[in-house]
Amino acid sequence: MSENRAKYGSVRGLVVILGVVGLAVLATNVFAAAPGQAKKPAAAAKVAAPKTAEMFPHIDAALGYLKAADQELKGGEPKFYGHRINAIKHTEAAIADLQKGIDQYMASHPGTTRNQITPEAAPPPGAKFPHMEGALKLLQQAETHLNEAAKVYGGERGEGLRETRAAISEIQTGVKEAETKGK
């Protein structure tokens, strides 16, 4: 019986030593920092998803700008040789992509809140084609926000960005054609 007690006693001792060493390593990683540097967070904190406030400001802003641009384009002059129609199609596709990405994210993160943003279209003063130029400005704002948005939307942010850029290109081409052919 004393042989078993000695055997289990050494196992307990080994477990205690490993536990102490493990705690020491953990404490060093969590609490130690080089002089003049901030303490490093635990490894688990590095892989955590950003907070809600960090998730939706840019994607919701982009969605708002895209919706406003869509309205501008639909109210626009019809003389852009099909480029206005193509820009509408790209804008609607970008809206659908972003909404799909947001819906997927929200399904896997219940209780997430949204930042509803509804920008106003402001065509440049003295614009020759106010709806097209207003839509262009809105789409450029959407592009800026999409570039800043978190990349957690299952690739839909990238698709929305691609469609937004295509819509911008269509508007620019349509305006150039209307200016040259309309003279």
Protein backbone atom coordinates (compact mmCIF):
# COMPACT_ATOMS: atom_id res chain seq x y z
CA MET A 1 0.00 0.00 0.00
CA SER A 2 2.86 2.37 0.71
CA GLU A 3 4.18 1.63 -2.77
CA ASN A 4 0.88 2.84 -4.33
CA ARG A 5 0.86 5.89 -2.07
CA ALA A 6 4.40 6.77 -3.15
CA LYS A 7 3.47 6.23 -6.82
CA TYR A 8 0.38 8.48 -6.61
CA GLY A 9 2.24 10.99 -4.48
CA SER A 10 4.84 11.50 -7.22
CA VAL A 11 2.08 11.84 -9.84
CA ARG A 12 0.39 14.50 -7.70
CA GLY A 13 3.67 16.28 -7.31
CA LEU A 14 4.21 16.27 -11.06
CA VAL A 15 0.68 17.62 -11.66
CA VAL A 16 1.25 20.40 -9.14
CA ILE A 17 4.60 21.33 -10.72
CA LEU A 18 3.09 21.38 -14.24
CA GLY A 19 0.19 23.48 -12.98
CA VAL A 20 2.51 26.01 -11.38
CA VAL A 21 4.68 26.20 -14.51
CA GLY A 22 1.57 26.61 -16.70
CA LEU A 23 0.27 29.44 -14.53
CA ALA A 24 3.66 31.11 -14.58
CA VAL A 25 3.78 31.00 -18.39
CA LEU A 26 0.22 32.30 -18.65
CA ALA A 27 0.91 35.12 -16.22
CA THR A 28 4.06 36.08 -18.12
CA ASN A 29 2.22 36.22 -21.45
CA VAL A 30 -0.77 38.13 -20.12
CA PHE A 31 0.74 40.53 -17.63
CA ALA A 32 4.34 41.04 -18.67
CA ALA A 33 5.27 43.79 -21.05
CA ALA A 34 8.56 45.31 -22.05
CA PRO A 35 9.28 48.68 -20.43
CA GLY A 36 7.41 51.43 -22.25
CA GLN A 37 5.01 49.01 -23.98
CA ALA A 38 1.38 48.26 -23.24
CA LYS A 39 0.42 44.88 -21.92
CA LYS A 40 -0.51 42.36 -24.60
CA PRO A 41 -4.03 40.92 -24.52
CA ALA A 42 -4.55 37.19 -24.16
CA ALA A 43 -4.51 35.20 -27.41
CA ALA A 44 -8.26 34.58 -27.24
CA ALA A 45 -8.94 38.31 -27.36
CA LYS A 46 -7.06 38.61 -30.67
CA VAL A 47 -9.44 36.34 -32.57
CA ALA A 48 -12.66 37.72 -31.12
CA ALA A 49 -14.96 39.40 -33.63
CA PRO A 50 -15.06 43.20 -33.53
CA LYS A 51 -17.81 44.76 -31.45
CA THR A 52 -21.10 45.73 -33.11
CA ALA A 53 -20.15 49.39 -33.10
CA GLU A 54 -17.10 48.44 -35.18
CA MET A 55 -19.05 46.20 -37.55
CA PHE A 56 -21.81 48.15 -39.17
CA PRO A 57 -20.98 51.86 -39.44
CA HIS A 58 -19.27 51.54 -42.83
CA ILE A 59 -21.39 48.80 -44.32
CA ASP A 60 -24.63 50.51 -43.29
CA ALA A 61 -23.34 53.85 -44.58
CA ALA A 62 -22.41 52.23 -47.89
CA LEU A 63 -25.85 50.65 -48.11
CA GLY A 64 -27.50 54.02 -47.45
CA TYR A 65 -25.40 55.74 -50.11
CA LEU A 66 -26.17 52.98 -52.61
CA LYS A 67 -29.91 53.26 -52.00
CA ALA A 68 -29.79 57.04 -52.41
CA ALA A 69 -27.73 56.66 -55.61
CA ASP A 70 -30.27 54.17 -56.93
CA GLN A 71 -33.05 56.73 -56.41
CA GLU A 72 -31.02 59.45 -58.11
CA LEU A 73 -30.31 57.21 -61.09
CA LYS A 74 -33.96 56.20 -61.42
CA GLY A 75 -34.97 59.88 -61.44
CA GLY A 76 -32.24 60.78 -63.89
CA GLU A 77 -32.32 61.94 -67.44
CA PRO A 78 -32.71 59.06 -69.95
CA LYS A 79 -30.09 60.29 -72.45
CA PHE A 80 -27.01 58.33 -71.42
CA TYR A 81 -26.93 55.64 -74.12
CA GLY A 82 -27.79 52.74 -71.80
CA HIS A 83 -25.14 53.61 -69.22
CA ARG A 84 -27.70 54.95 -66.73
CA ILE A 85 -29.65 51.66 -66.98
CA ASN A 86 -26.43 49.65 -66.52
CA ALA A 87 -25.49 51.80 -63.53
CA ILE A 88 -28.91 51.10 -61.99
CA LYS A 89 -28.39 47.35 -62.49
CA HIS A 90 -24.94 47.47 -60.86
CA THR A 91 -26.24 49.60 -58.00
CA GLU A 92 -29.14 47.23 -57.34
CA ALA A 93 -26.73 44.27 -57.43
CA ALA A 94 -24.45 46.01 -54.93
CA ILE A 95 -27.41 46.67 -52.63
CA ALA A 96 -28.45 43.02 -52.85
CA ASP A 97 -24.88 41.83 -52.15
CA LEU A 98 -24.50 44.02 -49.08
CA GLN A 99 -27.93 43.11 -47.74
CA LYS A 100 -27.13 39.42 -48.18
CA GLY A 101 -23.83 39.82 -46.32
CA ILE A 102 -25.49 41.76 -43.50
CA ASP A 103 -28.30 39.20 -43.24
CA GLN A 104 -25.78 36.33 -43.06
CA TYR A 105 -23.77 38.11 -40.38
CA MET A 106 -26.84 38.95 -38.32
CA ALA A 107 -28.13 35.36 -38.55
CA SER A 108 -24.93 34.11 -36.94
CA HIS A 109 -24.77 37.01 -34.43
CA PRO A 110 -28.29 37.40 -33.00
CA GLY A 111 -29.03 40.60 -31.18
CA THR A 112 -26.74 42.70 -33.37
CA THR A 113 -28.03 46.21 -33.89
CA ARG A 114 -27.86 48.23 -37.08
CA ASN A 115 -26.96 51.83 -37.85
CA GLN A 116 -29.60 53.01 -40.29
CA ILE A 117 -28.14 55.77 -42.47
CA THR A 118 -30.09 57.68 -45.10
CA PRO A 119 -27.88 60.21 -46.89
CA GLU A 120 -29.30 62.96 -49.02
CA ALA A 121 -28.20 63.31 -52.61
CA ALA A 122 -26.51 66.62 -53.22
CA PRO A 123 -25.70 67.21 -56.87
CA PRO A 124 -22.81 69.57 -57.42
CA PRO A 125 -23.83 73.23 -57.92
CA GLY A 126 -24.33 74.00 -61.59
CA ALA A 127 -24.25 70.33 -62.57
CA LYS A 128 -25.10 69.72 -66.20
CA PHE A 129 -26.61 66.34 -65.31
CA PRO A 130 -27.67 66.74 -61.66
CA HIS A 131 -29.08 63.23 -61.13
CA MET A 132 -26.14 61.45 -62.72
CA GLU A 133 -23.56 63.62 -61.00
CA GLY A 134 -25.42 63.34 -57.68
CA ALA A 135 -25.53 59.55 -58.05
CA LEU A 136 -21.82 59.54 -58.89
CA LYS A 137 -20.98 61.40 -55.67
CA LEU A 138 -23.15 59.01 -53.65
CA LEU A 139 -21.56 55.96 -55.24
CA GLN A 140 -18.09 57.34 -54.55
CA GLN A 141 -19.06 57.76 -50.90
CA ALA A 142 -20.36 54.17 -50.86
CA GLU A 143 -17.04 52.99 -52.34
CA THR A 144 -15.10 54.81 -49.62
CA HIS A 145 -17.18 53.16 -46.89
CA LEU A 146 -16.93 49.73 -48.50
CA ASN A 147 -13.15 50.05 -48.52
CA GLU A 148 -13.28 50.77 -44.77
CA ALA A 149 -15.88 48.14 -43.85
CA ALA A 150 -14.96 45.04 -41.87
CA LYS A 151 -14.36 41.95 -43.98
CA VAL A 152 -16.82 39.68 -42.15
CA TYR A 153 -19.66 39.49 -44.65
CA GLY A 154 -18.82 36.25 -46.45
CA GLY A 155 -17.34 37.93 -49.53
CA GLU A 156 -20.46 40.00 -50.14
CA ARG A 157 -18.66 43.25 -49.23
CA GLY A 158 -16.17 42.58 -52.02
CA GLU A 159 -18.92 41.80 -54.51
CA GLY A 160 -20.77 44.97 -53.51
CA LEU A 161 -17.57 46.97 -53.97
CA ARG A 162 -17.05 45.48 -57.43
CA GLU A 163 -20.63 46.34 -58.44
CA THR A 164 -20.29 49.86 -57.00
CA ARG A 165 -17.14 50.46 -59.03
CA ALA A 166 -18.90 49.17 -62.16
CA ALA A 167 -21.79 51.60 -61.55
CA ILE A 168 -19.31 54.48 -61.11
CA SER A 169 -17.65 53.55 -64.39
CA GLU A 170 -21.01 53.40 -66.20
CA ILE A 171 -21.99 56.86 -64.95
CA GLN A 172 -18.65 58.37 -65.94
CA THR A 173 -18.87 56.81 -69.40
CA GLY A 174 -22.51 57.85 -69.83
CA VAL A 175 -21.79 61.46 -68.85
CA LYS A 176 -18.81 61.63 -71.24
CA GLU A 177 -20.91 60.26 -74.10
CA ALA A 178 -23.79 62.60 -73.35
CA GLU A 179 -21.41 65.57 -73.31
CA THR A 180 -19.69 64.65 -76.59
CA LYS A 181 -22.71 63.37 -78.54
CA GLY A 182 -25.13 65.93 -77.12
CA LYS A 183 -23.22 68.90 -78.53
